[in-house]
Amino acid sequence: MSRLNIVVGITGGIAAYKAVGVVRALVLAGHDVHVVPTEGALRFVGRPTLEAISRNPVHTDLYEGVAEVRHVAIGQAADLIVIAPATANSIAKLAAGLADDLLGNTVLASEAPVVIAPAMHTEMWANPATRQNVETLRARGITVVGPAVGQLTGADRGPGRMEEPDVIVEASLRAAGASARHDLAGRRVVVTAGGTREPLDPVRFLGNRSSGKQGVAIAEAARARGAEVTLIAANLEVGEPVGCGVRAVSTTAELQEAVVDEARRADVVVMAAAVADFRPAAVSESKIKKQPGDAGLTLELVRNPDILAELAAAPHDALLVGFAAETEPDDERIVELGAAKLAAKGADLLVVNRVGWNEGFARDENRVVILERGGAVVDRRSGSKMSVADGILDVVARHLGGDPLGTADTLGEPGPAPTA
């Protein structure tokens, strides 16, 4: 891995203490790290600590180093910029393009990839202003890592906890094209993502709320780990992953055809797409219109094929990873349902996630339990969909390598830190 010039921006939140771990990990990986904290960040972590860990001077004043044009030179020289934590205020300033401090100037003066790791209370993360600011940054190509779901400051708990340093570091190096993990090198991975749509007529369809975020995250993570990746995309509501082959489909039948074709040459097939269980028995060639006096509309539905079960039943060499979405609120019951589904489908691994009106689909966070054949729980992951993707691929890589998977008896976010 080549040595990178990395800027780590730290903003003023309690999670600033975790940024020390990000800086340390990047330095130990052999990179040249320059810390640019805001004045607020220095209320949480001292300058001597940051200088000792980064092994470089720490600058904060916009008006220092004028002769060397420091307010733009730091950004111009950067290969990667990581902001951890990124508070709601700092995210708003980035989205607006403000540059009233050294960190803001550094970002605006740089053409390097930018990665942010949000950290704030749940209500602030859920606020429409914050969500819109985050989407604005994503649209500009900025990578957003997290936030995780976990313990926040005080007694609060929920989405908003800053991701753990190792997750941030891996995602940051991936964004810079320098991922540290290559455990899927030489493997061919097929991933399905999104949700299938079954037409009722030329303007309407039966579908689901899957955005494709989790499947795309798996595809991106597998590509970063060295795999040759094909994404079979069913009506994505997010951008396609860079560096992956993409086959666009819409219906379950189209998805089945593409998966069967790609699986012949695959080492791993990850069925992350939300596939419609039923389709209309007949599709109207014209728009179905309500007629005077109509009390309602009756539709006849027929079963769609179970793509994963059919793949498992046919001769194959690929490791088959299924997904199952459940609304059951009880964790033990979710495991029971997952084990039964895994046995019925015959896959090698099954990823079960809870979905509902406000979790799972179309969210940035996910919470999953991973089971292996026989029903044993081998891992549990929660947090950003990218960190969940890496957790799934950790299990896949161990399985491909023939190592024992062990079992995961406890549910929880990685790391014991009690704050955001």
Protein backbone atom coordinates (compact mmCIF):
# COMPACT_ATOMS: atom_id res chain seq x y z
CA MET A 1 0.00 0.00 0.00
CA SER A 2 1.44 3.41 -0.93
CA ARG A 3 1.99 6.04 1.73
CA LEU A 4 -0.86 8.56 1.75
CA ASN A 5 -0.96 12.15 2.94
CA ILE A 6 -4.09 12.10 5.10
CA VAL A 7 -5.84 15.00 6.81
CA VAL A 8 -7.96 14.06 9.83
CA GLY A 9 -10.44 16.78 10.73
CA ILE A 10 -11.90 16.65 14.23
CA THR A 11 -14.96 18.69 15.19
CA GLY A 12 -16.39 19.59 18.56
CA GLY A 13 -18.33 16.64 19.90
CA ILE A 14 -17.81 14.23 22.79
CA ALA A 15 -16.85 11.50 20.30
CA ALA A 16 -13.67 13.48 19.52
CA TYR A 17 -11.82 11.19 21.93
CA LYS A 18 -12.42 8.30 19.50
CA ALA A 19 -10.69 10.28 16.73
CA VAL A 20 -7.41 9.60 18.50
CA GLY A 21 -7.87 5.94 17.58
CA VAL A 22 -8.50 6.86 13.95
CA VAL A 23 -5.31 8.94 13.82
CA ARG A 24 -3.26 6.26 15.54
CA ALA A 25 -4.47 3.49 13.22
CA LEU A 26 -3.69 5.53 10.11
CA VAL A 27 -0.20 6.37 11.41
CA LEU A 28 0.51 2.75 12.29
CA ALA A 29 -0.61 1.78 8.78
CA GLY A 30 2.29 3.87 7.48
CA HIS A 31 0.51 7.06 6.39
CA ASP A 32 1.49 10.70 6.94
CA VAL A 33 -1.34 12.12 9.06
CA HIS A 34 -2.05 15.80 9.68
CA VAL A 35 -4.74 16.67 12.21
CA VAL A 36 -6.88 19.78 11.68
CA PRO A 37 -9.17 20.18 14.70
CA THR A 38 -11.75 22.91 15.17
CA GLU A 39 -11.52 25.10 18.27
CA GLY A 40 -14.46 23.15 19.65
CA ALA A 41 -12.63 19.85 19.18
CA LEU A 42 -9.73 21.08 21.33
CA ARG A 43 -12.17 21.41 24.24
CA PHE A 44 -12.45 17.61 24.18
CA VAL A 45 -8.97 16.47 23.07
CA GLY A 46 -5.78 18.44 23.71
CA ARG A 47 -3.33 19.59 21.08
CA PRO A 48 -0.34 17.75 22.72
CA THR A 49 -2.20 14.44 22.44
CA LEU A 50 -2.99 14.97 18.78
CA GLU A 51 0.56 16.02 17.96
CA ALA A 52 2.05 13.05 19.81
CA ILE A 53 -0.24 10.55 18.11
CA SER A 54 -0.04 12.05 14.60
CA ARG A 55 3.70 12.83 14.83
CA ASN A 56 3.01 16.14 13.09
CA PRO A 57 2.30 19.71 14.28
CA VAL A 58 -1.38 20.52 14.74
CA HIS A 59 -2.74 23.71 13.23
CA THR A 60 -6.09 25.36 13.92
CA ASP A 61 -5.71 29.07 13.18
CA LEU A 62 -6.90 30.21 9.76
CA TYR A 63 -4.51 33.15 9.86
CA GLU A 64 -1.31 31.29 10.76
CA GLY A 65 1.20 30.35 8.06
CA VAL A 66 -0.02 33.04 5.67
CA ALA A 67 3.31 33.14 3.84
CA GLU A 68 2.99 29.46 2.95
CA VAL A 69 -0.74 29.85 2.18
CA ARG A 70 -1.44 27.16 4.75
CA HIS A 71 -5.22 27.62 4.58
CA VAL A 72 -5.21 26.03 1.12
CA ALA A 73 -1.86 24.18 1.09
CA ILE A 74 -3.00 21.50 3.53
CA GLY A 75 -5.98 20.57 1.37
CA GLN A 76 -4.03 20.76 -1.88
CA ALA A 77 -1.47 18.27 -0.59
CA ALA A 78 -4.01 15.79 0.82
CA ASP A 79 -4.64 12.38 -0.73
CA LEU A 80 -7.56 11.80 1.65
CA ILE A 81 -9.57 13.86 4.15
CA VAL A 82 -11.34 12.16 7.05
CA ILE A 83 -13.60 14.11 9.42
CA ALA A 84 -14.35 12.19 12.61
CA PRO A 85 -16.47 13.04 14.39
CA ALA A 86 -18.58 15.15 12.08
CA THR A 87 -21.12 17.02 14.18
CA ALA A 88 -24.48 18.25 12.89
CA ASN A 89 -23.05 21.76 12.78
CA SER A 90 -19.96 20.74 10.81
CA ILE A 91 -22.08 18.73 8.35
CA ALA A 92 -24.31 21.77 7.78
CA LYS A 93 -21.26 23.94 7.15
CA LEU A 94 -19.79 21.44 4.70
CA ALA A 95 -23.08 21.22 2.82
CA ALA A 96 -23.24 25.01 2.58
CA GLY A 97 -19.60 25.27 1.51
CA LEU A 98 -18.66 27.50 4.44
CA ALA A 99 -14.99 28.10 5.14
CA ASP A 100 -14.79 30.15 8.34
CA ASP A 101 -12.09 27.97 9.88
CA LEU A 102 -9.01 26.03 8.78
CA LEU A 103 -10.89 22.75 8.37
CA GLY A 104 -13.52 24.29 6.09
CA ASN A 105 -10.82 25.90 3.94
CA THR A 106 -8.92 22.62 3.80
CA VAL A 107 -11.94 20.74 2.44
CA LEU A 108 -12.80 23.40 -0.15
CA ALA A 109 -9.20 23.62 -1.35
CA SER A 110 -8.84 19.87 -1.85
CA GLU A 111 -9.69 17.50 -4.69
CA ALA A 112 -9.05 14.45 -2.48
CA PRO A 113 -11.75 11.97 -1.43
CA VAL A 114 -13.60 13.12 1.69
CA VAL A 115 -14.98 10.76 4.33
CA ILE A 116 -17.14 11.89 7.26
CA ALA A 117 -18.17 9.94 10.35
CA PRO A 118 -21.27 11.61 11.85
CA ALA A 119 -21.77 11.65 15.62
CA MET A 120 -24.70 13.33 17.36
CA HIS A 121 -27.85 12.61 19.33
CA THR A 122 -30.57 10.63 17.59
CA GLU A 123 -32.95 13.56 17.30
CA MET A 124 -30.27 15.66 15.61
CA TRP A 125 -29.42 12.85 13.17
CA ALA A 126 -33.12 12.37 12.35
CA ASN A 127 -33.77 16.08 11.88
CA PRO A 128 -34.80 16.81 8.26
CA ALA A 129 -32.15 19.53 7.98
CA THR A 130 -29.37 17.09 8.89
CA ARG A 131 -30.72 14.38 6.61
CA GLN A 132 -30.90 16.80 3.69
CA ASN A 133 -27.36 18.03 4.38
CA VAL A 134 -26.07 14.45 4.44
CA GLU A 135 -27.77 13.64 1.14
CA THR A 136 -26.26 16.80 -0.35
CA LEU A 137 -22.79 15.64 0.67
CA ARG A 138 -23.40 12.13 -0.67
CA ALA A 139 -24.50 13.61 -4.00
CA ARG A 140 -21.15 15.40 -4.15
CA GLY A 141 -19.29 12.12 -3.72
CA ILE A 142 -18.48 12.40 -0.02
CA THR A 143 -18.43 9.04 1.78
CA VAL A 144 -20.56 8.88 4.94
CA VAL A 145 -19.56 6.23 7.48
CA GLY A 146 -22.23 5.56 10.08
CA PRO A 147 -23.51 6.61 12.41
CA ALA A 148 -23.87 3.41 14.39
CA VAL A 149 -26.74 2.49 16.68
CA GLY A 150 -25.69 2.36 20.32
CA GLN A 151 -25.11 4.15 23.60
CA LEU A 152 -24.88 7.92 23.31
CA THR A 153 -24.03 10.56 25.90
CA GLY A 154 -25.89 10.04 29.17
CA ALA A 155 -28.73 7.53 29.15
CA ASP A 156 -29.67 8.04 25.50
CA ARG A 157 -29.37 5.22 23.02
CA GLY A 158 -30.09 5.02 19.30
CA PRO A 159 -28.68 6.01 15.88
CA GLY A 160 -26.02 8.69 16.20
CA ARG A 161 -23.07 6.93 17.81
CA MET A 162 -19.82 7.46 15.89
CA GLU A 163 -18.59 4.31 14.18
CA GLU A 164 -15.61 2.56 15.74
CA PRO A 165 -12.14 3.68 14.55
CA ASP A 166 -11.37 0.46 12.66
CA VAL A 167 -14.58 0.77 10.62
CA ILE A 168 -13.82 4.42 9.81
CA VAL A 169 -10.23 3.64 8.85
CA GLU A 170 -11.20 0.78 6.55
CA ALA A 171 -13.91 2.83 4.83
CA SER A 172 -11.53 5.77 4.46
CA LEU A 173 -8.76 3.72 2.90
CA ARG A 174 -11.34 2.13 0.62
CA ALA A 175 -12.44 5.60 -0.50
CA ALA A 176 -8.82 6.38 -1.32
CA GLY A 177 -8.40 3.12 -3.21
CA ALA A 178 -6.09 1.71 -0.56
CA SER A 179 -8.15 -0.86 1.32
CA ALA A 180 -6.09 -2.89 3.75
CA ARG A 181 -8.07 -6.10 3.25
CA HIS A 182 -7.77 -8.26 0.13
CA ASP A 183 -9.21 -11.51 1.47
CA LEU A 184 -11.55 -11.87 -1.53
CA ALA A 185 -8.86 -11.33 -4.16
CA GLY A 186 -9.41 -13.65 -7.12
CA ARG A 187 -12.99 -14.43 -6.09
CA ARG A 188 -16.01 -13.70 -8.24
CA VAL A 189 -18.91 -12.33 -6.19
CA VAL A 190 -22.47 -11.80 -7.40
CA VAL A 191 -24.72 -9.53 -5.34
CA THR A 192 -28.39 -8.74 -5.84
CA ALA A 193 -29.74 -5.43 -4.55
CA GLY A 194 -32.92 -3.37 -4.53
CA GLY A 195 -36.50 -4.54 -4.79
CA THR A 196 -38.31 -6.31 -7.59
CA ARG A 197 -41.47 -4.82 -9.07
CA GLU A 198 -44.35 -6.81 -10.53
CA PRO A 199 -46.46 -4.80 -12.99
CA LEU A 200 -50.22 -4.56 -12.65
CA ASP A 201 -50.58 -2.39 -15.74
CA PRO A 202 -48.33 0.05 -17.63
CA VAL A 203 -48.33 2.53 -14.73
CA ARG A 204 -48.66 0.49 -11.52
CA PHE A 205 -46.75 -2.30 -9.82
CA LEU A 206 -46.51 -4.41 -6.67
CA GLY A 207 -43.23 -3.69 -4.94
CA ASN A 208 -41.48 -3.04 -1.66
CA ARG A 209 -39.55 -0.28 0.10
CA SER A 210 -36.04 -1.65 -0.44
CA SER A 211 -33.65 1.06 -1.67
CA GLY A 212 -30.75 -1.26 -2.47
CA LYS A 213 -28.40 0.47 0.01
CA GLN A 214 -27.35 -2.74 1.77
CA GLY A 215 -26.72 -4.69 -1.43
CA VAL A 216 -24.73 -1.83 -2.94
CA ALA A 217 -22.67 -1.59 0.26
CA ILE A 218 -21.88 -5.32 0.04
CA ALA A 219 -20.86 -4.95 -3.61
CA GLU A 220 -18.60 -1.98 -2.81
CA ALA A 221 -17.03 -3.73 0.16
CA ALA A 222 -16.40 -6.94 -1.82
CA ARG A 223 -14.80 -4.94 -4.62
CA ALA A 224 -12.55 -3.15 -2.13
CA ARG A 225 -11.48 -6.52 -0.73
CA GLY A 226 -10.25 -7.63 -4.14
CA ALA A 227 -13.23 -9.47 -5.59
CA GLU A 228 -14.55 -9.23 -9.13
CA VAL A 229 -18.11 -8.12 -8.48
CA THR A 230 -21.30 -8.20 -10.50
CA LEU A 231 -24.28 -6.36 -9.05
CA ILE A 232 -27.73 -7.38 -10.23
CA ALA A 233 -29.67 -4.20 -9.59
CA ALA A 234 -33.43 -4.21 -9.18
CA ASN A 235 -34.81 -0.67 -9.22
CA LEU A 236 -32.08 0.94 -7.12
CA GLU A 237 -32.77 4.19 -5.31
CA VAL A 238 -29.04 4.77 -4.73
CA GLY A 239 -26.07 5.15 -7.04
CA GLU A 240 -24.40 2.13 -8.60
CA PRO A 241 -21.10 0.99 -7.04
CA VAL A 242 -17.90 2.07 -8.74
CA GLY A 243 -15.76 -0.68 -10.26
CA CYS A 244 -18.48 -3.32 -10.38
CA GLY A 245 -20.29 -4.85 -13.31
CA VAL A 246 -24.00 -4.02 -13.20
CA ARG A 247 -26.99 -5.83 -14.69
CA ALA A 248 -30.26 -3.92 -14.35
CA VAL A 249 -33.47 -5.91 -13.83
CA SER A 250 -36.98 -5.08 -12.68
CA THR A 251 -39.17 -8.15 -12.11
CA THR A 252 -38.50 -11.32 -10.15
CA ALA A 253 -38.38 -13.32 -13.39
CA GLU A 254 -35.71 -11.00 -14.77
CA LEU A 255 -33.75 -11.23 -11.54
CA GLN A 256 -33.94 -15.01 -11.61
CA GLU A 257 -32.65 -15.18 -15.17
CA ALA A 258 -29.71 -12.90 -14.37
CA VAL A 259 -28.79 -14.68 -11.13
CA VAL A 260 -28.89 -18.16 -12.69
CA ASP A 261 -26.65 -16.93 -15.50
CA GLU A 262 -24.12 -15.18 -13.23
CA ALA A 263 -24.08 -17.91 -10.56
CA ARG A 264 -22.51 -20.39 -13.01
CA ARG A 265 -19.24 -18.46 -12.80
CA ALA A 266 -19.45 -17.24 -9.20
CA ASP A 267 -17.62 -18.17 -6.02
CA VAL A 268 -20.17 -16.35 -3.88
CA VAL A 269 -23.78 -15.31 -4.49
CA VAL A 270 -25.30 -12.81 -2.03
CA MET A 271 -29.06 -12.48 -2.43
CA ALA A 272 -29.60 -9.11 -0.73
CA ALA A 273 -32.44 -7.94 -3.00
CA ALA A 274 -35.99 -7.88 -1.63
CA VAL A 275 -37.78 -10.25 -4.00
CA ALA A 276 -41.55 -10.18 -4.43
CA ASP A 277 -43.13 -13.42 -3.26
CA PHE A 278 -46.17 -12.94 -5.51
CA ARG A 279 -47.05 -11.38 -8.87
CA PRO A 280 -50.38 -10.63 -10.56
CA ALA A 281 -51.82 -13.59 -12.45
CA ALA A 282 -52.56 -11.27 -15.37
CA VAL A 283 -51.09 -7.92 -16.40
CA SER A 284 -53.38 -5.39 -18.00
CA GLU A 285 -52.08 -3.92 -21.26
CA SER A 286 -53.82 -0.61 -20.45
CA LYS A 287 -54.27 1.40 -17.29
CA ILE A 288 -56.78 -0.16 -14.91
CA LYS A 289 -59.48 2.46 -14.37
CA LYS A 290 -62.10 2.72 -11.71
CA GLN A 291 -65.63 2.56 -13.02
CA PRO A 292 -68.74 4.26 -11.64
CA GLY A 293 -70.19 2.15 -8.88
CA ASP A 294 -66.98 0.13 -8.28
CA ALA A 295 -66.64 -0.79 -4.60
CA GLY A 296 -63.07 -2.02 -4.97
CA LEU A 297 -60.65 -4.04 -7.03
CA THR A 298 -59.86 -7.73 -6.72
CA LEU A 299 -56.47 -8.98 -7.87
CA GLU A 300 -55.44 -12.58 -8.29
CA LEU A 301 -51.83 -13.21 -7.28
CA VAL A 302 -49.64 -16.21 -8.04
CA ARG A 303 -46.38 -17.30 -6.42
CA ASN A 304 -43.06 -16.18 -7.78
CA PRO A 305 -40.20 -18.70 -7.91
CA ASP A 306 -37.99 -18.98 -4.83
CA ILE A 307 -34.70 -18.07 -6.50
CA LEU A 308 -32.43 -18.91 -3.57
CA ALA A 309 -34.04 -22.31 -2.93
CA GLU A 310 -33.79 -23.21 -6.61
CA LEU A 311 -30.12 -22.19 -6.72
CA ALA A 312 -29.41 -24.32 -3.66
CA ALA A 313 -31.27 -27.32 -5.10
CA ALA A 314 -29.40 -27.23 -8.40
CA PRO A 315 -25.76 -28.36 -8.75
CA HIS A 316 -23.55 -25.41 -7.84
CA ASP A 317 -20.10 -24.51 -6.55
CA ALA A 318 -20.87 -21.04 -5.19
CA LEU A 319 -21.29 -20.15 -1.54
CA LEU A 320 -24.92 -19.08 -1.25
CA VAL A 321 -25.81 -16.25 1.12
CA GLY A 322 -29.50 -15.46 1.58
CA PHE A 323 -31.28 -12.53 3.21
CA ALA A 324 -34.47 -12.61 5.21
CA ALA A 325 -36.39 -9.55 6.39
CA GLU A 326 -38.57 -10.04 9.48
CA THR A 327 -40.87 -7.70 11.41
CA GLU A 328 -40.79 -9.86 14.56
CA PRO A 329 -39.70 -7.62 17.50
CA ASP A 330 -38.19 -10.42 19.62
CA ASP A 331 -34.53 -11.24 18.94
CA GLU A 332 -34.85 -14.92 19.88
CA ARG A 333 -37.87 -15.30 17.65
CA ILE A 334 -35.99 -13.72 14.76
CA VAL A 335 -33.26 -16.34 15.15
CA GLU A 336 -35.85 -19.13 15.20
CA LEU A 337 -37.51 -17.81 12.04
CA GLY A 338 -34.13 -17.43 10.37
CA ALA A 339 -33.04 -20.96 11.23
CA ALA A 340 -36.27 -22.39 9.82
CA LYS A 341 -35.94 -20.34 6.64
CA LEU A 342 -32.30 -21.33 6.21
CA ALA A 343 -33.21 -25.02 6.49
CA ALA A 344 -36.04 -24.63 3.99
CA LYS A 345 -33.96 -22.78 1.42
CA GLY A 346 -30.76 -24.82 1.72
CA ALA A 347 -28.36 -21.86 1.58
CA ASP A 348 -24.96 -21.85 3.27
CA LEU A 349 -25.51 -18.62 5.22
CA LEU A 350 -28.55 -16.49 6.00
CA VAL A 351 -28.53 -12.83 7.02
CA VAL A 352 -31.66 -11.91 8.96
CA ASN A 353 -32.57 -8.29 9.56
CA ARG A 354 -35.49 -6.67 11.30
CA VAL A 355 -37.56 -4.31 9.15
CA GLY A 356 -40.48 -2.08 9.93
CA TRP A 357 -41.95 1.32 9.31
CA ASN A 358 -38.81 3.03 10.61
CA GLU A 359 -36.01 0.47 10.37
CA GLY A 360 -34.29 -1.67 7.79
CA PHE A 361 -35.58 -0.54 4.41
CA ALA A 362 -34.32 2.78 2.98
CA ARG A 363 -32.33 3.56 6.14
CA ASP A 364 -28.61 4.19 6.53
CA GLU A 365 -28.36 1.76 9.45
CA ASN A 366 -29.03 -1.94 9.73
CA ARG A 367 -29.02 -4.63 12.40
CA VAL A 368 -28.49 -8.24 11.37
CA VAL A 369 -27.87 -11.71 12.69
CA ILE A 370 -25.91 -14.15 10.51
CA LEU A 371 -26.67 -17.87 10.66
CA GLU A 372 -24.86 -20.79 9.09
CA ARG A 373 -26.32 -24.06 7.86
CA GLY A 374 -27.74 -25.91 10.86
CA GLY A 375 -29.08 -22.69 12.41
CA ALA A 376 -26.07 -21.63 14.52
CA VAL A 377 -25.59 -17.89 14.95
CA VAL A 378 -22.08 -17.02 13.74
CA ASP A 379 -22.19 -13.22 13.99
CA ARG A 380 -24.35 -10.23 14.84
CA ARG A 381 -23.73 -6.78 13.42
CA SER A 382 -25.35 -3.37 13.73
CA GLY A 383 -24.44 0.09 12.54
CA SER A 384 -24.02 1.64 9.12
CA LYS A 385 -24.87 -0.55 6.16
CA MET A 386 -21.23 -0.42 5.08
CA SER A 387 -20.03 -1.73 8.45
CA VAL A 388 -22.71 -4.44 8.30
CA ALA A 389 -21.51 -5.30 4.78
CA ASP A 390 -17.98 -5.78 6.05
CA GLY A 391 -19.28 -7.97 8.87
CA ILE A 392 -21.11 -10.18 6.40
CA LEU A 393 -18.02 -10.44 4.19
CA ASP A 394 -15.86 -11.28 7.21
CA VAL A 395 -18.02 -14.38 7.68
CA VAL A 396 -17.96 -15.13 3.95
CA ALA A 397 -14.15 -14.85 3.81
CA ARG A 398 -13.71 -17.17 6.79
CA HIS A 399 -16.11 -19.67 5.24
CA LEU A 400 -14.26 -19.61 1.92
CA GLY A 401 -10.97 -20.04 3.73
CA GLY A 402 -12.20 -23.12 5.55
CA ASP A 403 -11.73 -21.59 9.01
CA PRO A 404 -14.20 -22.49 11.75
CA LEU A 405 -16.77 -19.74 12.15
CA GLY A 406 -17.49 -20.21 15.82
CA THR A 407 -20.66 -18.75 17.31
CA ALA A 408 -21.78 -15.33 18.46
CA ASP A 409 -23.71 -15.52 21.71
CA THR A 410 -24.20 -11.84 22.41
CA LEU A 411 -25.83 -9.01 20.57
CA GLY A 412 -24.24 -5.59 20.64
CA GLU A 413 -22.30 -2.91 18.90
CA PRO A 414 -18.55 -3.39 18.63
CA GLY A 415 -16.65 -1.60 21.35
CA PRO A 416 -17.59 -0.75 24.92
CA ALA A 417 -17.29 3.05 24.75
CA PRO A 418 -20.31 4.65 26.45
CA THR A 419 -20.58 7.89 24.45
CA ALA A 420 -21.49 9.15 21.02
